[in-house]
Amino acid sequence: MKKRGPLFRSPRVTRVLLLGAALASLAFSLVLASREPLPPAKEGEAHSFSKGPVGHQAFFEFLRALGVDARRFRNTAFDAPRDPLFFIEPRPEAFFGGRQFSLADALGGRVQRGLPTVLVLPKWRWNKKKKAFQLLDLPSAARVLAAAFPGGDGPGLARAPLPGRRNEKGAVLVPGRAGIPDVLVDLPDPQVLRLKGFGEVLLGRPEACLAAAFPDRDGPLYLVSDPDLLHNFNLHRGDHGAFWAAFVERILHPERVYVEEVFHGLGRIPSLGRVLAAFPGSLLLAQGILLLLGLAWASFHRFGPVRDPDPPRGRGPAVLVDAAGRLLAAALDEKVLAHDYVEGILRDTAGRMGLPPAGDLQALARALDEAARRRGAPPGAAEALEAVEEGREEGGRLAWEFRRRLLFGSEAERDRKVNVHGDR
């Protein structure tokens, strides 16, 4: 059975990993370039401008079409914007950034500073078990209304038929006031205000009012009882768009409006963990993990062939260069130089073989020859040393060839005919 090598040394696996990393990088780049939110927001976690049935994306784009600079507001300084601030379907309390905030305090702070505020009351709730929207119980919606009137005196809330003439499709022509025209309203289970002498009617009648203004307060406060007037699934029905156009242009007439999301309860605070845990951030996380694994694997593996720890200098070994330098510097005798050359080769070879250093050169030559016999190579250290001591010219060549045979084996035989060092 053929032994398989490590996984990452397989060219096929390497190509698959590189292709996967390239595709992940391309997909991540395309997602970043896309203007659409990916993935679509969940029903229970959608932000105010989602495209779900009770989202406000259509209303947000409608305001922009009117020439109004509509912006999201995710700040707890509720009295900072001097432009109109919409509180759309808020909760009485909100926990944001590790702190708890009260809707009554947020509305009261804006009213005291005389800042225009629009409160759109809630009507629907998300049922997680049935995975569907259901009508919010009336007492819960009334708690939000009570936040605008902390003293206890204020309008009431009810679900009742709309005042006005009904057409054959069930829509009702509701009378408007204070610059708001009569509009055709089509709402499921209408939710209305009962003013009880508080405020001024903008749309409807005092006993069944859809929109009202409270100008007698320190700051202008506007109430809209039914959020279905602006929800995505219902904004296009009847004359709901005409009502909002008249309300924005004739009542508010702003250059910019803000839509609050802290009390809305559907917004999510962005964080690095959430971004990397969801698509497409998970692509970036996967690439990072692969990069770390590859770096860890590469740190424990050697790449390429084994290199000579002491590469030659130029066209000759370091021993020859050093010997030539000493010859030029001290004008040594040729026989002394040849002896130093052979001694340097033998001691360098012994060091590379891991032999213990020996002061006696003859003993060192015998130890090298014994090491050569154990490795199956012909001895030659003693022969080279004897030749150089007798003054024969081949002493240096014999020492160099012995070194190559002992250290490099068959490569020395192949290169035997090419001797760039000459004979000594």
Protein backbone atom coordinates (compact mmCIF):
# COMPACT_ATOMS: atom_id res chain seq x y z
CA MET A 1 0.00 0.00 0.00
CA LYS A 2 1.40 3.35 -1.00
CA LYS A 3 2.13 5.63 1.92
CA ARG A 4 0.36 8.96 1.66
CA GLY A 5 2.14 12.16 2.53
CA PRO A 6 0.85 15.05 4.62
CA LEU A 7 -2.46 16.58 3.50
CA PHE A 8 -1.14 20.03 2.62
CA ARG A 9 1.64 18.61 0.43
CA SER A 10 -0.93 17.27 -2.02
CA PRO A 11 -1.13 19.56 -5.07
CA ARG A 12 -4.83 18.77 -5.46
CA VAL A 13 -5.66 19.81 -1.88
CA THR A 14 -3.56 22.94 -2.27
CA ARG A 15 -5.45 23.92 -5.43
CA VAL A 16 -8.81 23.32 -3.73
CA LEU A 17 -7.84 25.48 -0.75
CA LEU A 18 -6.55 28.30 -2.94
CA LEU A 19 -9.70 28.17 -5.09
CA GLY A 20 -11.92 28.25 -2.01
CA ALA A 21 -10.06 31.24 -0.57
CA ALA A 22 -10.31 33.09 -3.90
CA LEU A 23 -14.06 32.41 -4.19
CA ALA A 24 -14.65 33.51 -0.59
CA SER A 25 -12.71 36.74 -1.20
CA LEU A 26 -14.69 37.41 -4.38
CA ALA A 27 -18.02 36.73 -2.67
CA PHE A 28 -17.12 38.99 0.26
CA SER A 29 -16.14 41.81 -2.11
CA LEU A 30 -19.39 41.48 -4.08
CA VAL A 31 -21.46 41.56 -0.90
CA LEU A 32 -19.69 44.69 0.31
CA ALA A 33 -20.34 46.35 -3.05
CA SER A 34 -24.04 45.45 -2.92
CA ARG A 35 -26.43 48.11 -1.65
CA GLU A 36 -29.04 45.59 -0.52
CA PRO A 37 -29.04 44.37 3.11
CA LEU A 38 -27.82 40.76 3.24
CA PRO A 39 -29.31 38.73 4.73
CA PRO A 40 -32.86 40.19 4.99
CA ALA A 41 -33.65 41.38 8.48
CA LYS A 42 -35.63 38.95 10.61
CA GLU A 43 -39.14 39.90 11.64
CA GLY A 44 -38.26 40.17 15.31
CA GLU A 45 -34.97 41.98 14.73
CA ALA A 46 -35.73 44.25 11.78
CA HIS A 47 -34.74 47.90 12.11
CA SER A 48 -37.21 50.74 11.60
CA PHE A 49 -36.58 50.98 7.88
CA SER A 50 -36.94 47.29 7.08
CA LYS A 51 -38.99 46.07 4.12
CA GLY A 52 -41.25 43.86 6.24
CA PRO A 53 -45.01 44.44 6.38
CA VAL A 54 -44.84 46.66 9.47
CA GLY A 55 -41.50 48.23 8.59
CA HIS A 56 -41.02 51.85 7.59
CA GLN A 57 -38.86 51.59 4.48
CA ALA A 58 -41.66 52.91 2.23
CA PHE A 59 -42.35 55.82 4.60
CA PHE A 60 -38.65 56.63 4.79
CA GLU A 61 -38.33 56.72 0.99
CA PHE A 62 -41.59 58.68 0.75
CA LEU A 63 -40.15 61.43 2.97
CA ARG A 64 -37.07 61.60 0.76
CA ALA A 65 -39.26 61.84 -2.31
CA LEU A 66 -40.90 64.89 -0.71
CA GLY A 67 -37.45 66.50 -0.53
CA VAL A 68 -37.03 65.93 3.21
CA ASP A 69 -33.66 64.76 4.54
CA ALA A 70 -34.82 61.71 6.54
CA ARG A 71 -32.27 60.15 8.88
CA ARG A 72 -32.13 57.36 11.44
CA PHE A 73 -31.51 58.40 15.06
CA ARG A 74 -29.71 55.95 17.36
CA ASN A 75 -28.61 58.27 20.12
CA THR A 76 -29.73 58.77 23.69
CA ALA A 77 -29.46 62.57 23.54
CA PHE A 78 -33.12 62.85 22.54
CA ASP A 79 -33.25 66.62 23.02
CA ALA A 80 -30.27 67.21 20.70
CA PRO A 81 -32.04 67.32 17.29
CA ARG A 82 -33.83 70.62 16.78
CA ASP A 83 -35.60 69.17 13.78
CA PRO A 84 -38.76 67.04 14.16
CA LEU A 85 -38.09 63.68 15.80
CA PHE A 86 -40.45 60.77 15.07
CA PHE A 87 -41.06 58.21 17.83
CA ILE A 88 -42.64 55.40 15.79
CA GLU A 89 -44.20 52.57 17.81
CA PRO A 90 -41.91 53.05 20.81
CA ARG A 91 -41.83 51.06 24.03
CA PRO A 92 -42.35 52.78 27.40
CA GLU A 93 -38.80 51.89 28.40
CA ALA A 94 -35.64 50.94 26.54
CA PHE A 95 -32.33 49.36 27.51
CA PHE A 96 -29.59 50.77 25.31
CA GLY A 97 -25.80 50.81 25.71
CA GLY A 98 -25.97 49.31 29.19
CA ARG A 99 -28.44 51.94 30.48
CA GLN A 100 -32.19 52.13 30.88
CA PHE A 101 -34.18 55.03 29.44
CA SER A 102 -37.76 56.16 29.91
CA LEU A 103 -39.96 57.31 27.04
CA ALA A 104 -41.67 59.81 29.36
CA ASP A 105 -38.31 61.45 30.12
CA ALA A 106 -37.33 61.53 26.44
CA LEU A 107 -40.64 63.14 25.38
CA GLY A 108 -40.65 65.49 28.37
CA GLY A 109 -37.13 66.71 27.64
CA ARG A 110 -38.03 67.62 24.07
CA VAL A 111 -41.30 69.29 25.05
CA GLN A 112 -39.60 71.41 27.71
CA ARG A 113 -37.05 72.61 25.16
CA GLY A 114 -39.79 73.46 22.64
CA LEU A 115 -38.66 70.90 20.08
CA PRO A 116 -41.17 69.42 17.61
CA THR A 117 -41.96 65.78 18.33
CA VAL A 118 -44.18 63.24 16.55
CA LEU A 119 -45.40 60.19 18.51
CA VAL A 120 -46.89 57.31 16.50
CA LEU A 121 -48.52 54.83 18.87
CA PRO A 122 -47.92 51.06 18.62
CA LYS A 123 -50.57 48.63 17.43
CA TRP A 124 -48.90 45.32 16.53
CA ARG A 125 -46.63 42.83 18.29
CA TRP A 126 -44.59 39.90 16.99
CA ASN A 127 -45.66 36.46 18.23
CA LYS A 128 -42.54 34.28 18.25
CA LYS A 129 -44.43 31.02 18.70
CA LYS A 130 -46.88 31.61 15.84
CA LYS A 131 -44.34 33.59 13.84
CA ALA A 132 -46.92 36.19 12.94
CA PHE A 133 -47.95 39.72 13.86
CA GLN A 134 -50.86 40.12 16.26
CA LEU A 135 -52.76 43.12 17.60
CA LEU A 136 -51.14 44.61 20.68
CA ASP A 137 -53.45 44.67 23.67
CA LEU A 138 -54.96 48.10 24.19
CA PRO A 139 -53.59 48.66 27.75
CA SER A 140 -50.03 48.18 26.47
CA ALA A 141 -50.58 50.73 23.71
CA ALA A 142 -52.20 53.10 26.26
CA ARG A 143 -49.02 52.94 28.39
CA VAL A 144 -47.10 54.50 25.52
CA LEU A 145 -49.75 57.21 25.20
CA ALA A 146 -49.53 57.88 28.96
CA ALA A 147 -45.77 58.55 28.60
CA ALA A 148 -46.66 61.73 26.70
CA PHE A 149 -48.93 62.89 29.53
CA PRO A 150 -47.13 62.03 32.78
CA GLY A 151 -49.62 64.02 34.87
CA GLY A 152 -52.40 61.55 34.13
CA ASP A 153 -54.65 63.99 32.25
CA GLY A 154 -54.71 63.31 28.53
CA PRO A 155 -56.61 61.75 25.67
CA GLY A 156 -57.81 58.16 25.72
CA LEU A 157 -57.22 55.34 23.27
CA ALA A 158 -59.75 52.98 21.69
CA ARG A 159 -60.30 50.70 18.73
CA ALA A 160 -63.45 51.93 17.07
CA PRO A 161 -64.91 52.62 13.61
CA LEU A 162 -63.67 55.72 11.81
CA PRO A 163 -65.91 58.74 11.42
CA GLY A 164 -66.94 59.61 7.86
CA ARG A 165 -68.55 58.21 4.75
CA ARG A 166 -67.58 54.64 3.79
CA ASN A 167 -67.20 53.61 0.14
CA GLU A 168 -67.97 50.29 -1.49
CA LYS A 169 -64.45 48.94 -0.77
CA GLY A 170 -64.66 49.65 2.94
CA ALA A 171 -62.44 52.75 3.00
CA VAL A 172 -63.68 55.78 4.97
CA LEU A 173 -63.43 59.43 3.93
CA VAL A 174 -62.13 61.00 7.15
CA PRO A 175 -62.39 64.81 7.56
CA GLY A 176 -59.21 66.77 8.02
CA ARG A 177 -58.51 70.13 9.72
CA ALA A 178 -55.75 72.72 10.14
CA GLY A 179 -54.53 72.37 6.56
CA ILE A 180 -55.04 68.59 6.35
CA PRO A 181 -57.53 67.74 3.57
CA ASP A 182 -60.22 65.09 3.82
CA VAL A 183 -58.48 61.79 3.06
CA LEU A 184 -59.66 58.30 2.23
CA VAL A 185 -58.44 55.97 4.99
CA ASP A 186 -58.24 52.17 4.72
CA LEU A 187 -57.18 50.60 8.05
CA PRO A 188 -57.66 47.14 9.57
CA ASP A 189 -59.02 47.43 13.15
CA PRO A 190 -58.65 51.23 13.36
CA GLN A 191 -57.05 52.62 16.52
CA VAL A 192 -58.24 56.11 17.43
CA LEU A 193 -57.75 58.81 20.05
CA ARG A 194 -60.54 60.21 22.24
CA LEU A 195 -59.34 63.75 22.92
CA LYS A 196 -61.70 64.60 25.84
CA GLY A 197 -61.04 68.30 25.34
CA PHE A 198 -57.25 67.91 24.98
CA GLY A 199 -55.45 69.04 21.84
CA GLU A 200 -56.63 69.91 18.35
CA VAL A 201 -57.90 67.50 15.73
CA LEU A 202 -55.83 67.14 12.57
CA LEU A 203 -57.57 64.10 11.09
CA GLY A 204 -60.94 62.77 12.28
CA ARG A 205 -63.25 64.01 15.04
CA PRO A 206 -62.65 64.57 18.76
CA GLU A 207 -64.36 61.28 19.69
CA ALA A 208 -62.42 59.30 17.00
CA CYS A 209 -59.22 61.08 16.00
CA LEU A 210 -56.36 59.62 13.96
CA ALA A 211 -53.98 62.60 14.29
CA ALA A 212 -53.93 65.44 16.79
CA ALA A 213 -51.75 68.38 17.78
CA PHE A 214 -51.09 69.75 21.26
CA PRO A 215 -49.87 73.33 20.73
CA ASP A 216 -50.69 74.46 24.27
CA ARG A 217 -47.67 72.59 25.62
CA ASP A 218 -44.17 74.08 25.86
CA GLY A 219 -43.14 72.32 22.65
CA PRO A 220 -45.27 71.15 19.74
CA LEU A 221 -46.32 67.53 20.21
CA TYR A 222 -48.20 65.58 17.52
CA LEU A 223 -49.93 62.24 18.05
CA VAL A 224 -50.81 59.68 15.38
CA SER A 225 -52.97 56.91 16.81
CA ASP A 226 -52.65 54.21 14.12
CA PRO A 227 -49.22 53.22 12.75
CA ASP A 228 -50.84 51.45 9.78
CA LEU A 229 -51.01 54.89 8.16
CA LEU A 230 -47.29 54.57 7.43
CA HIS A 231 -46.51 50.83 7.45
CA ASN A 232 -45.10 49.29 4.28
CA PHE A 233 -48.15 47.11 3.67
CA ASN A 234 -50.62 50.01 3.99
CA LEU A 235 -48.95 53.31 3.04
CA HIS A 236 -50.08 53.02 -0.57
CA ARG A 237 -53.73 52.36 0.29
CA GLY A 238 -56.38 55.09 0.29
CA ASP A 239 -55.01 58.60 0.61
CA HIS A 240 -52.46 57.78 3.33
CA GLY A 241 -49.64 59.29 1.30
CA ALA A 242 -51.64 62.49 0.78
CA PHE A 243 -52.14 62.79 4.54
CA TRP A 244 -48.41 62.47 5.27
CA ALA A 245 -47.52 64.90 2.48
CA ALA A 246 -49.89 67.49 3.92
CA PHE A 247 -48.75 66.80 7.49
CA VAL A 248 -45.06 67.18 6.63
CA GLU A 249 -45.39 70.17 4.29
CA ARG A 250 -48.13 72.17 6.08
CA ILE A 251 -47.68 71.24 9.74
CA LEU A 252 -44.02 70.37 10.19
CA HIS A 253 -42.50 71.99 7.04
CA PRO A 254 -38.97 70.77 7.93
CA GLU A 255 -35.78 70.43 5.93
CA ARG A 256 -34.75 67.38 7.94
CA VAL A 257 -36.49 64.82 10.15
CA TYR A 258 -35.15 62.07 12.40
CA VAL A 259 -36.72 58.69 13.10
CA GLU A 260 -35.82 57.42 16.58
CA GLU A 261 -34.83 53.75 17.01
CA VAL A 262 -33.78 53.37 20.64
CA PHE A 263 -37.35 52.96 21.93
CA HIS A 264 -38.51 51.22 18.78
CA GLY A 265 -37.11 47.99 20.17
CA LEU A 266 -36.28 46.37 16.84
CA GLY A 267 -32.88 47.93 16.25
CA ARG A 268 -29.67 46.08 17.04
CA ILE A 269 -26.46 47.66 18.26
CA PRO A 270 -23.71 46.78 15.74
CA SER A 271 -20.73 44.86 17.11
CA LEU A 272 -17.74 43.09 15.62
CA GLY A 273 -18.90 39.73 16.99
CA ARG A 274 -22.34 39.99 15.37
CA VAL A 275 -20.89 41.11 12.07
CA LEU A 276 -18.42 38.20 11.92
CA ALA A 277 -21.00 35.66 13.10
CA ALA A 278 -23.48 36.45 10.31
CA PHE A 279 -23.16 36.34 6.55
CA PRO A 280 -21.19 37.89 4.86
CA GLY A 281 -18.86 38.57 7.79
CA SER A 282 -18.52 34.83 8.31
CA LEU A 283 -16.62 34.70 5.00
CA LEU A 284 -14.00 37.05 6.39
CA LEU A 285 -13.85 35.05 9.63
CA ALA A 286 -13.33 31.79 7.69
CA GLN A 287 -10.51 33.33 5.67
CA GLY A 288 -8.85 34.56 8.83
CA ILE A 289 -9.01 31.11 10.41
CA LEU A 290 -7.56 29.51 7.27
CA LEU A 291 -4.78 32.08 7.26
CA LEU A 292 -3.88 31.37 10.89
CA LEU A 293 -3.94 27.60 10.29
CA GLY A 294 -1.70 27.99 7.25
CA LEU A 295 0.70 30.17 9.20
CA ALA A 296 0.83 27.63 12.06
CA TRP A 297 1.40 24.77 9.63
CA ALA A 298 4.14 26.64 7.76
CA SER A 299 5.98 27.46 10.99
CA PHE A 300 6.50 23.72 11.69
CA HIS A 301 7.52 22.62 8.18
CA ARG A 302 10.63 23.15 6.09
CA PHE A 303 10.28 24.22 2.47
CA GLY A 304 12.72 23.39 -0.34
CA PRO A 305 15.81 21.14 -0.40
CA VAL A 306 18.35 20.96 2.43
CA ARG A 307 20.97 23.67 1.99
CA ASP A 308 24.65 23.42 2.77
CA PRO A 309 25.08 25.22 6.12
CA ASP A 310 28.40 26.60 4.95
CA PRO A 311 28.01 27.61 1.27
CA PRO A 312 31.18 28.27 -0.73
CA ARG A 313 32.44 31.77 -1.28
CA GLY A 314 32.65 32.68 -4.92
CA ARG A 315 34.34 29.88 -6.91
CA GLY A 316 36.16 28.15 -4.03
CA PRO A 317 35.71 27.00 -0.41
CA ALA A 318 36.28 29.23 2.60
CA VAL A 319 39.38 27.26 3.58
CA LEU A 320 41.09 28.04 0.25
CA VAL A 321 40.16 31.72 0.46
CA ASP A 322 41.50 31.97 4.00
CA ALA A 323 44.74 30.16 3.05
CA ALA A 324 45.26 32.44 0.05
CA GLY A 325 44.76 35.45 2.28
CA ARG A 326 47.36 34.23 4.74
CA LEU A 327 49.79 33.52 1.90
CA LEU A 328 49.50 37.04 0.52
CA ALA A 329 49.69 38.58 3.97
CA ALA A 330 52.67 36.64 5.37
CA ALA A 331 54.36 35.34 2.21
CA LEU A 332 54.44 31.84 3.64
CA ASP A 333 56.35 29.00 2.04
CA GLU A 334 54.28 26.95 -0.45
CA LYS A 335 54.81 23.74 1.53
CA VAL A 336 53.60 25.42 4.76
CA LEU A 337 50.56 26.79 2.91
CA ALA A 338 49.73 23.34 1.46
CA HIS A 339 50.00 21.81 4.92
CA ASP A 340 47.70 24.49 6.39
CA TYR A 341 45.24 23.91 3.54
CA VAL A 342 45.06 20.15 4.17
CA GLU A 343 44.83 20.66 7.93
CA GLY A 344 41.99 23.17 7.48
CA ILE A 345 40.07 20.76 5.22
CA LEU A 346 40.47 17.84 7.64
CA ARG A 347 39.48 19.84 10.72
CA ASP A 348 36.47 21.39 8.88
CA THR A 349 35.37 17.91 7.77
CA ALA A 350 35.69 16.57 11.30
CA GLY A 351 33.59 19.43 12.61
CA ARG A 352 30.84 18.75 10.07
CA MET A 353 30.87 15.05 10.94
CA GLY A 354 30.46 15.85 14.63
CA LEU A 355 33.79 14.27 15.62
CA PRO A 356 35.43 15.50 18.81
CA PRO A 357 38.27 17.94 18.18
CA ALA A 358 41.74 16.42 18.40
CA GLY A 359 44.98 18.27 18.83
CA ASP A 360 47.01 15.59 17.04
CA LEU A 361 46.43 15.84 13.27
CA GLN A 362 47.45 12.19 12.75
CA ALA A 363 44.81 11.03 15.25
CA LEU A 364 42.24 13.23 13.55
CA ALA A 365 43.08 11.69 10.14
CA ARG A 366 42.68 8.17 11.55
CA ALA A 367 39.30 9.09 13.09
CA LEU A 368 38.11 10.49 9.75
CA ASP A 369 39.19 7.35 7.88
CA GLU A 370 37.32 5.21 10.42
CA ALA A 371 34.21 7.34 9.94
CA ALA A 372 34.54 6.94 6.17
CA ARG A 373 34.68 3.13 6.49
CA ARG A 374 31.53 3.11 8.61
CA ARG A 375 29.74 5.10 5.93
CA GLY A 376 30.95 2.83 3.15
CA ALA A 377 33.26 5.46 1.64
CA PRO A 378 36.94 4.82 0.84
CA PRO A 379 39.36 6.37 3.38
CA GLY A 380 41.77 9.10 2.32
CA ALA A 381 42.51 11.49 5.19
CA ALA A 382 45.76 9.76 6.27
CA GLU A 383 46.86 9.45 2.65
CA ALA A 384 46.31 13.17 2.01
CA LEU A 385 48.15 14.13 5.21
CA GLU A 386 51.08 11.84 4.33
CA ALA A 387 51.27 13.30 0.78
CA VAL A 388 51.41 16.90 1.98
CA GLU A 389 54.03 16.11 4.64
CA GLU A 390 56.19 14.51 1.92
CA GLY A 391 55.73 17.62 -0.25
CA ARG A 392 53.76 15.98 -3.03
CA GLU A 393 51.49 18.27 -5.03
CA GLU A 394 48.43 15.98 -4.93
CA GLY A 395 48.02 16.36 -1.14
CA GLY A 396 45.49 19.19 -1.38
CA ARG A 397 43.51 17.45 -4.13
CA LEU A 398 43.38 14.19 -2.15
CA ALA A 399 42.16 16.02 0.97
CA TRP A 400 39.44 17.90 -0.97
CA GLU A 401 38.19 14.76 -2.79
CA PHE A 402 38.10 12.84 0.48
CA ARG A 403 36.01 15.61 2.04
CA ARG A 404 33.51 15.53 -0.83
CA ARG A 405 33.23 11.73 -0.77
CA LEU A 406 32.63 11.69 2.96
CA LEU A 407 30.14 14.57 3.13
CA PHE A 408 28.28 14.35 -0.19
CA GLY A 409 28.58 10.68 -1.21
CA SER A 410 27.78 9.93 -4.89
CA GLU A 411 27.62 13.64 -5.80
CA ALA A 412 31.35 13.79 -5.33
CA GLU A 413 31.87 11.00 -7.88
CA ARG A 414 29.71 12.82 -10.43
CA ASP A 415 31.63 16.04 -9.97
CA ARG A 416 35.03 14.40 -9.78
CA LYS A 417 35.98 15.44 -13.28
CA VAL A 418 35.21 19.09 -12.57
CA ASN A 419 37.83 20.37 -10.14
CA VAL A 420 37.79 24.14 -9.89
CA HIS A 421 40.31 24.23 -7.07
CA GLY A 422 43.31 22.63 -8.75
CA ASP A 423 45.78 20.24 -7.16
CA ARG A 424 47.89 21.00 -4.10
